């Protein structure tokens, strides 16, 4: 909603710029889409790497707590 209100103000102040922004926004979104997908892929790969690196510490922490008790028994 704030973006729409800012666009309306721009439309009143400088309508050619507002119309250009309205027409160019989908093109800019399409150009930036591969970078967003790359960011998601890199974030996932880094999360996987972090999980693999911290796995021994998590296993040792779990083992130091002792055996798990079954609360339903």
PDB file of N, CA and C in Angstrom:
ATOM      1  N   UNK A   1       0.812  -1.196   0.000  1.00  0.00           N
ATOM      2  CA  UNK A   1       0.000   0.000   0.000  1.00  0.00           C
ATOM      3  C   UNK A   1       0.861   1.268   0.000  1.00  0.00           C
ATOM      4  N   UNK A   2       1.927   1.339   0.821  1.00  0.00           N
ATOM      5  CA  UNK A   2       2.758   2.554   0.770  1.00  0.00           C
ATOM      6  C   UNK A   2       3.399   2.752  -0.599  1.00  0.00           C
ATOM      7  N   UNK A   3       3.789   1.657  -1.259  1.00  0.00           N
ATOM      8  CA  UNK A   3       4.390   1.795  -2.584  1.00  0.00           C
ATOM      9  C   UNK A   3       3.377   2.366  -3.580  1.00  0.00           C
ATOM     10  N   UNK A   4       2.130   1.927  -3.466  1.00  0.00           N
ATOM     11  CA  UNK A   4       1.089   2.445  -4.352  1.00  0.00           C
ATOM     12  C   UNK A   4       0.838   3.925  -4.100  1.00  0.00           C
ATOM     13  N   UNK A   5       0.828   4.322  -2.829  1.00  0.00           N
ATOM     14  CA  UNK A   5       0.622   5.739  -2.511  1.00  0.00           C
ATOM     15  C   UNK A   5       1.789   6.588  -3.025  1.00  0.00           C
ATOM     16  N   UNK A   6       3.018   6.072  -2.902  1.00  0.00           N
ATOM     17  CA  UNK A   6       4.169   6.793  -3.446  1.00  0.00           C
ATOM     18  C   UNK A   6       4.072   6.897  -4.971  1.00  0.00           C
ATOM     19  N   UNK A   7       3.568   5.841  -5.605  1.00  0.00           N
ATOM     20  CA  UNK A   7       3.421   5.893  -7.059  1.00  0.00           C
ATOM     21  C   UNK A   7       2.353   6.920  -7.452  1.00  0.00           C
ATOM     22  N   UNK A   8       1.281   7.006  -6.675  1.00  0.00           N
ATOM     23  CA  UNK A   8       0.253   8.012  -6.969  1.00  0.00           C
ATOM     24  C   UNK A   8       0.803   9.427  -6.822  1.00  0.00           C
ATOM     25  N   UNK A   9       1.624   9.652  -5.809  1.00  0.00           N
ATOM     26  CA  UNK A   9       2.247  10.972  -5.642  1.00  0.00           C
ATOM     27  C   UNK A   9       3.159  11.263  -6.833  1.00  0.00           C
ATOM     28  N   UNK A  10       3.925  10.253  -7.264  1.00  0.00           N
ATOM     29  CA  UNK A  10       4.786  10.435  -8.423  1.00  0.00           C
ATOM     30  C   UNK A  10       3.952  10.697  -9.675  1.00  0.00           C
ATOM     31  N   UNK A  11       2.799  10.046  -9.773  1.00  0.00           N
ATOM     32  CA  UNK A  11       1.914  10.264 -10.915  1.00  0.00           C
ATOM     33  C   UNK A  11       1.429  11.707 -10.970  1.00  0.00           C
ATOM     34  N   UNK A  12       1.138  12.280  -9.822  1.00  0.00           N
ATOM     35  CA  UNK A  12       0.669  13.666  -9.782  1.00  0.00           C
ATOM     36  C   UNK A  12       1.817  14.628 -10.085  1.00  0.00           C
ATOM     37  N   UNK A  13       2.999  14.335  -9.541  1.00  0.00           N
ATOM     38  CA  UNK A  13       4.128  15.257  -9.706  1.00  0.00           C
ATOM     39  C   UNK A  13       4.780  15.150 -11.083  1.00  0.00           C
ATOM     40  N   UNK A  14       4.964  13.935 -11.570  1.00  0.00           N
ATOM     41  CA  UNK A  14       5.659  13.745 -12.847  1.00  0.00           C
ATOM     42  C   UNK A  14       5.096  12.500 -13.517  1.00  0.00           C
ATOM     43  N   UNK A  15       4.009  12.668 -14.257  1.00  0.00           N
ATOM     44  CA  UNK A  15       3.319  11.516 -14.810  1.00  0.00           C
ATOM     45  C   UNK A  15       4.145  10.723 -15.821  1.00  0.00           C
ATOM     46  N   UNK A  16       5.041  11.322 -16.637  1.00  0.00           N
ATOM     47  CA  UNK A  16       5.818  10.464 -17.548  1.00  0.00           C
ATOM     48  C   UNK A  16       6.751   9.501 -16.795  1.00  0.00           C
ATOM     49  N   UNK A  17       7.349   9.982 -15.720  1.00  0.00           N
ATOM     50  CA  UNK A  17       8.223   9.121 -14.925  1.00  0.00           C
ATOM     51  C   UNK A  17       7.424   8.009 -14.249  1.00  0.00           C
ATOM     52  N   UNK A  18       6.224   8.326 -13.781  1.00  0.00           N
ATOM     53  CA  UNK A  18       5.379   7.315 -13.144  1.00  0.00           C
ATOM     54  C   UNK A  18       4.961   6.243 -14.137  1.00  0.00           C
ATOM     55  N   UNK A  19       4.612   6.644 -15.353  1.00  0.00           N
ATOM     56  CA  UNK A  19       4.236   5.664 -16.375  1.00  0.00           C
ATOM     57  C   UNK A  19       5.438   4.823 -16.802  1.00  0.00           C
ATOM     58  N   UNK A  20       6.619   5.444 -16.897  1.00  0.00           N
ATOM     59  CA  UNK A  20       7.827   4.687 -17.231  1.00  0.00           C
ATOM     60  C   UNK A  20       8.133   3.662 -16.135  1.00  0.00           C
ATOM     61  N   UNK A  21       7.970   4.069 -14.889  1.00  0.00           N
ATOM     62  CA  UNK A  21       8.198   3.134 -13.787  1.00  0.00           C
ATOM     63  C   UNK A  21       7.190   1.991 -13.830  1.00  0.00           C
ATOM     64  N   UNK A  22       5.963   2.296 -14.170  1.00  0.00           N
ATOM     65  CA  UNK A  22       4.923   1.272 -14.257  1.00  0.00           C
ATOM     66  C   UNK A  22       5.222   0.272 -15.372  1.00  0.00           C
ATOM     67  N   UNK A  23       5.771   0.745 -16.468  1.00  0.00           N
ATOM     68  CA  UNK A  23       6.086  -0.144 -17.587  1.00  0.00           C
ATOM     69  C   UNK A  23       7.394  -0.908 -17.390  1.00  0.00           C
ATOM     70  N   UNK A  24       8.357  -0.308 -16.707  1.00  0.00           N
ATOM     71  CA  UNK A  24       9.656  -0.952 -16.547  1.00  0.00           C
ATOM     72  C   UNK A  24       9.718  -1.908 -15.363  1.00  0.00           C
ATOM     73  N   UNK A  25       8.804  -1.794 -14.407  1.00  0.00           N
ATOM     74  CA  UNK A  25       8.849  -2.640 -13.217  1.00  0.00           C
ATOM     75  C   UNK A  25       8.810  -4.139 -13.552  1.00  0.00           C
ATOM     76  N   UNK A  26       7.913  -4.611 -14.425  1.00  0.00           N
ATOM     77  CA  UNK A  26       7.920  -6.052 -14.742  1.00  0.00           C
ATOM     78  C   UNK A  26       9.217  -6.496 -15.426  1.00  0.00           C
ATOM     79  N   UNK A  27       9.790  -5.645 -16.252  1.00  0.00           N
ATOM     80  CA  UNK A  27      11.043  -6.006 -16.919  1.00  0.00           C
ATOM     81  C   UNK A  27      12.191  -6.105 -15.920  1.00  0.00           C
ATOM     82  N   UNK A  28      12.250  -5.176 -14.986  1.00  0.00           N
ATOM     83  CA  UNK A  28      13.292  -5.219 -13.955  1.00  0.00           C
ATOM     84  C   UNK A  28      13.102  -6.460 -13.089  1.00  0.00           C
ATOM     85  N   UNK A  29      11.861  -6.802 -12.773  1.00  0.00           N
ATOM     86  CA  UNK A  29      11.581  -7.986 -11.968  1.00  0.00           C
ATOM     87  C   UNK A  29      12.053  -9.246 -12.687  1.00  0.00           C
ATOM     88  N   UNK A  30      11.808  -9.321 -13.994  1.00  0.00           N
ATOM     89  CA  UNK A  30      12.250 -10.491 -14.762  1.00  0.00           C
ATOM     90  C   UNK A  30      13.768 -10.575 -14.850  1.00  0.00           C
ATOM     91  N   UNK A  31      14.445  -9.436 -14.959  1.00  0.00           N
ATOM     92  CA  UNK A  31      15.910  -9.433 -15.017  1.00  0.00           C
ATOM     93  C   UNK A  31      16.499  -9.866 -13.682  1.00  0.00           C
ATOM     94  N   UNK A  32      15.887  -9.469 -12.573  1.00  0.00           N
ATOM     95  CA  UNK A  32      16.424  -9.796 -11.254  1.00  0.00           C
ATOM     96  C   UNK A  32      16.029 -11.186 -10.760  1.00  0.00           C
ATOM     97  N   UNK A  33      15.088 -11.843 -11.418  1.00  0.00           N
ATOM     98  CA  UNK A  33      14.623 -13.162 -10.981  1.00  0.00           C
ATOM     99  C   UNK A  33      15.735 -14.212 -10.921  1.00  0.00           C
ATOM    100  N   UNK A  34      16.633 -14.321 -11.904  1.00  0.00           N
ATOM    101  CA  UNK A  34      17.713 -15.314 -11.785  1.00  0.00           C
ATOM    102  C   UNK A  34      18.615 -15.068 -10.580  1.00  0.00           C
ATOM    103  N   UNK A  35      18.835 -13.815 -10.221  1.00  0.00           N
ATOM    104  CA  UNK A  35      19.665 -13.526  -9.061  1.00  0.00           C
ATOM    105  C   UNK A  35      18.980 -13.958  -7.766  1.00  0.00           C
ATOM    106  N   UNK A  36      17.661 -13.831  -7.707  1.00  0.00           N
ATOM    107  CA  UNK A  36      16.933 -14.309  -6.533  1.00  0.00           C
ATOM    108  C   UNK A  36      17.041 -15.825  -6.427  1.00  0.00           C
ATOM    109  N   UNK A  37      16.872 -16.522  -7.563  1.00  0.00           N
ATOM    110  CA  UNK A  37      16.988 -17.982  -7.552  1.00  0.00           C
ATOM    111  C   UNK A  37      18.395 -18.416  -7.173  1.00  0.00           C
ATOM    112  N   UNK A  38      19.404 -17.698  -7.662  1.00  0.00           N
ATOM    113  CA  UNK A  38      20.778 -17.994  -7.297  1.00  0.00           C
ATOM    114  C   UNK A  38      20.994 -17.768  -5.801  1.00  0.00           C
ATOM    115  N   UNK A  39      20.422 -16.732  -5.252  1.00  0.00           N
ATOM    116  CA  UNK A  39      20.530 -16.471  -3.819  1.00  0.00           C
ATOM    117  C   UNK A  39      19.896 -17.573  -2.991  1.00  0.00           C
ATOM    118  N   UNK A  40      18.753 -18.090  -3.431  1.00  0.00           N
ATOM    119  CA  UNK A  40      18.109 -19.195  -2.721  1.00  0.00           C
ATOM    120  C   UNK A  40      18.977 -20.441  -2.771  1.00  0.00           C
ATOM    121  N   UNK A  41      19.556 -20.730  -3.943  1.00  0.00           N
ATOM    122  CA  UNK A  41      20.404 -21.914  -4.095  1.00  0.00           C
ATOM    123  C   UNK A  41      21.678 -21.792  -3.257  1.00  0.00           C
ATOM    124  N   UNK A  42      22.307 -20.632  -3.266  1.00  0.00           N
ATOM    125  CA  UNK A  42      23.531 -20.435  -2.485  1.00  0.00           C
ATOM    126  C   UNK A  42      23.214 -20.503  -0.985  1.00  0.00           C
ATOM    127  N   UNK A  43      22.101 -19.932  -0.579  1.00  0.00           N
ATOM    128  CA  UNK A  43      21.699 -20.014   0.828  1.00  0.00           C
ATOM    129  C   UNK A  43      21.466 -21.449   1.270  1.00  0.00           C
ATOM    130  N   UNK A  44      20.838 -22.237   0.421  1.00  0.00           N
ATOM    131  CA  UNK A  44      20.615 -23.645   0.741  1.00  0.00           C
ATOM    132  C   UNK A  44      21.913 -24.424   0.823  1.00  0.00           C
ATOM    133  N   UNK A  45      22.829 -24.150  -0.107  1.00  0.00           N
ATOM    134  CA  UNK A  45      24.123 -24.846  -0.090  1.00  0.00           C
ATOM    135  C   UNK A  45      24.922 -24.470   1.151  1.00  0.00           C
ATOM    136  N   UNK A  46      24.899 -23.211   1.543  1.00  0.00           N
ATOM    137  CA  UNK A  46      25.622 -22.794   2.738  1.00  0.00           C
ATOM    138  C   UNK A  46      24.996 -23.372   4.007  1.00  0.00           C
ATOM    139  N   UNK A  47      23.679 -23.490   4.041  1.00  0.00           N
ATOM    140  CA  UNK A  47      23.018 -24.116   5.184  1.00  0.00           C
ATOM    141  C   UNK A  47      23.394 -25.590   5.291  1.00  0.00           C
ATOM    142  N   UNK A  48      23.439 -26.271   4.164  1.00  0.00           N
ATOM    143  CA  UNK A  48      23.851 -27.672   4.155  1.00  0.00           C
ATOM    144  C   UNK A  48      25.294 -27.815   4.625  1.00  0.00           C
ATOM    145  N   UNK A  49      26.166 -26.955   4.149  1.00  0.00           N
ATOM    146  CA  UNK A  49      27.568 -26.989   4.568  1.00  0.00           C
ATOM    147  C   UNK A  49      27.690 -26.729   6.067  1.00  0.00           C
ATOM    148  N   UNK A  50      26.932 -25.775   6.596  1.00  0.00           N
ATOM    149  CA  UNK A  50      26.968 -25.477   8.026  1.00  0.00           C
ATOM    150  C   UNK A  50      26.467 -26.679   8.834  1.00  0.00           C
ATOM    151  N   UNK A  51      25.426 -27.349   8.340  1.00  0.00           N
ATOM    152  CA  UNK A  51      24.906 -28.523   9.045  1.00  0.00           C
ATOM    153  C   UNK A  51      25.932 -29.649   9.059  1.00  0.00           C
ATOM    154  N   UNK A  52      26.660 -29.843   7.958  1.00  0.00           N
ATOM    155  CA  UNK A  52      27.679 -30.892   7.901  1.00  0.00           C
ATOM    156  C   UNK A  52      28.846 -30.554   8.821  1.00  0.00           C
ATOM    157  N   UNK A  53      29.244 -29.298   8.873  1.00  0.00           N
ATOM    158  CA  UNK A  53      30.376 -28.895   9.707  1.00  0.00           C
ATOM    159  C   UNK A  53      30.025 -29.019  11.190  1.00  0.00           C
ATOM    160  N   UNK A  54      28.816 -28.664  11.576  1.00  0.00           N
ATOM    161  CA  UNK A  54      28.444 -28.695  12.988  1.00  0.00           C
ATOM    162  C   UNK A  54      27.848 -30.029  13.422  1.00  0.00           C
ATOM    163  N   UNK A  55      27.752 -31.002  12.529  1.00  0.00           N
ATOM    164  CA  UNK A  55      27.186 -32.300  12.886  1.00  0.00           C
ATOM    165  C   UNK A  55      27.947 -32.994  14.017  1.00  0.00           C
ATOM    166  N   UNK A  56      29.297 -33.061  13.996  1.00  0.00           N
ATOM    167  CA  UNK A  56      29.984 -33.737  15.106  1.00  0.00           C
ATOM    168  C   UNK A  56      29.694 -33.081  16.465  1.00  0.00           C
ATOM    169  N   UNK A  57      29.656 -31.769  16.516  1.00  0.00           N
ATOM    170  CA  UNK A  57      29.363 -31.093  17.780  1.00  0.00           C
ATOM    171  C   UNK A  57      27.942 -31.406  18.242  1.00  0.00           C
ATOM    172  N   UNK A  58      26.995 -31.456  17.337  1.00  0.00           N
ATOM    173  CA  UNK A  58      25.618 -31.776  17.714  1.00  0.00           C
ATOM    174  C   UNK A  58      25.500 -33.210  18.205  1.00  0.00           C
ATOM    175  N   UNK A  59      26.207 -34.131  17.563  1.00  0.00           N
ATOM    176  CA  UNK A  59      26.168 -35.530  17.989  1.00  0.00           C
ATOM    177  C   UNK A  59      26.788 -35.668  19.373  1.00  0.00           C
ATOM    178  N   UNK A  60      27.937 -35.037  19.602  1.00  0.00           N
ATOM    179  CA  UNK A  60      28.585 -35.113  20.913  1.00  0.00           C
ATOM    180  C   UNK A  60      27.723 -34.480  22.000  1.00  0.00           C
ATOM    181  N   UNK A  61      27.074 -33.390  21.700  1.00  0.00           N
ATOM    182  CA  UNK A  61      26.197 -32.739  22.670  1.00  0.00           C
ATOM    183  C   UNK A  61      25.033 -33.658  23.014  1.00  0.00           C
ATOM    184  N   UNK A  62      24.475 -34.329  22.005  1.00  0.00           N
ATOM    185  CA  UNK A  62      23.351 -35.234  22.237  1.00  0.00           C
ATOM    186  C   UNK A  62      23.790 -36.435  23.075  1.00  0.00           C
ATOM    187  N   UNK A  63      25.001 -36.967  22.807  1.00  0.00           N
ATOM    188  CA  UNK A  63      25.498 -38.122  23.555  1.00  0.00           C
ATOM    189  C   UNK A  63      25.838 -37.762  24.992  1.00  0.00           C
ATOM    190  N   UNK A  64      26.265 -36.536  25.242  1.00  0.00           N
ATOM    191  CA  UNK A  64      26.640 -36.148  26.598  1.00  0.00           C
ATOM    192  C   UNK A  64      25.420 -35.969  27.501  1.00  0.00           C
ATOM    193  N   UNK A  65      24.240 -35.854  26.951  1.00  0.00           N
ATOM    194  CA  UNK A  65      23.028 -35.711  27.744  1.00  0.00           C
ATOM    195  C   UNK A  65      22.575 -37.036  28.344  1.00  0.00           C
ATOM    196  N   UNK A  66      23.092 -38.112  27.839  1.00  0.00           N
ATOM    197  CA  UNK A  66      22.693 -39.428  28.334  1.00  0.00           C
ATOM    198  C   UNK A  66      21.597 -40.007  27.466  1.00  0.00           C
ATOM    199  N   UNK A  67      21.157 -41.224  27.820  1.00  0.00           N
ATOM    200  CA  UNK A  67      20.127 -41.883  26.997  1.00  0.00           C
ATOM    201  C   UNK A  67      18.795 -41.147  27.068  1.00  0.00           C
ATOM    202  N   UNK A  68      18.066 -41.236  25.997  1.00  0.00           N
ATOM    203  CA  UNK A  68      16.738 -40.615  25.949  1.00  0.00           C
ATOM    204  C   UNK A  68      15.750 -41.456  26.730  1.00  0.00           C
ATOM    205  N   UNK A  69      14.894 -40.804  27.464  1.00  0.00           N
ATOM    206  CA  UNK A  69      13.859 -41.525  28.201  1.00  0.00           C
ATOM    207  C   UNK A  69      12.561 -41.458  27.432  1.00  0.00           C
ATOM    208  N   UNK A  70      11.826 -42.534  27.475  1.00  0.00           N
ATOM    209  CA  UNK A  70      10.538 -42.578  26.800  1.00  0.00           C
ATOM    210  C   UNK A  70       9.457 -42.120  27.785  1.00  0.00           C
ATOM    211  N   UNK A  71       8.863 -40.950  27.605  1.00  0.00           N
ATOM    212  CA  UNK A  71       7.890 -40.438  28.579  1.00  0.00           C
ATOM    213  C   UNK A  71       6.557 -41.171  28.543  1.00  0.00           C
ATOM    214  N   UNK A  72       6.322 -41.995  27.529  1.00  0.00           N
ATOM    215  CA  UNK A  72       5.020 -42.655  27.391  1.00  0.00           C
ATOM    216  C   UNK A  72       5.004 -43.999  28.103  1.00  0.00           C
ATOM    217  N   UNK A  73       6.125 -44.518  28.531  1.00  0.00           N
ATOM    218  CA  UNK A  73       6.160 -45.869  29.103  1.00  0.00           C
ATOM    219  C   UNK A  73       5.590 -45.985  30.459  1.00  0.00           C
TER     220      UNK A  73
END
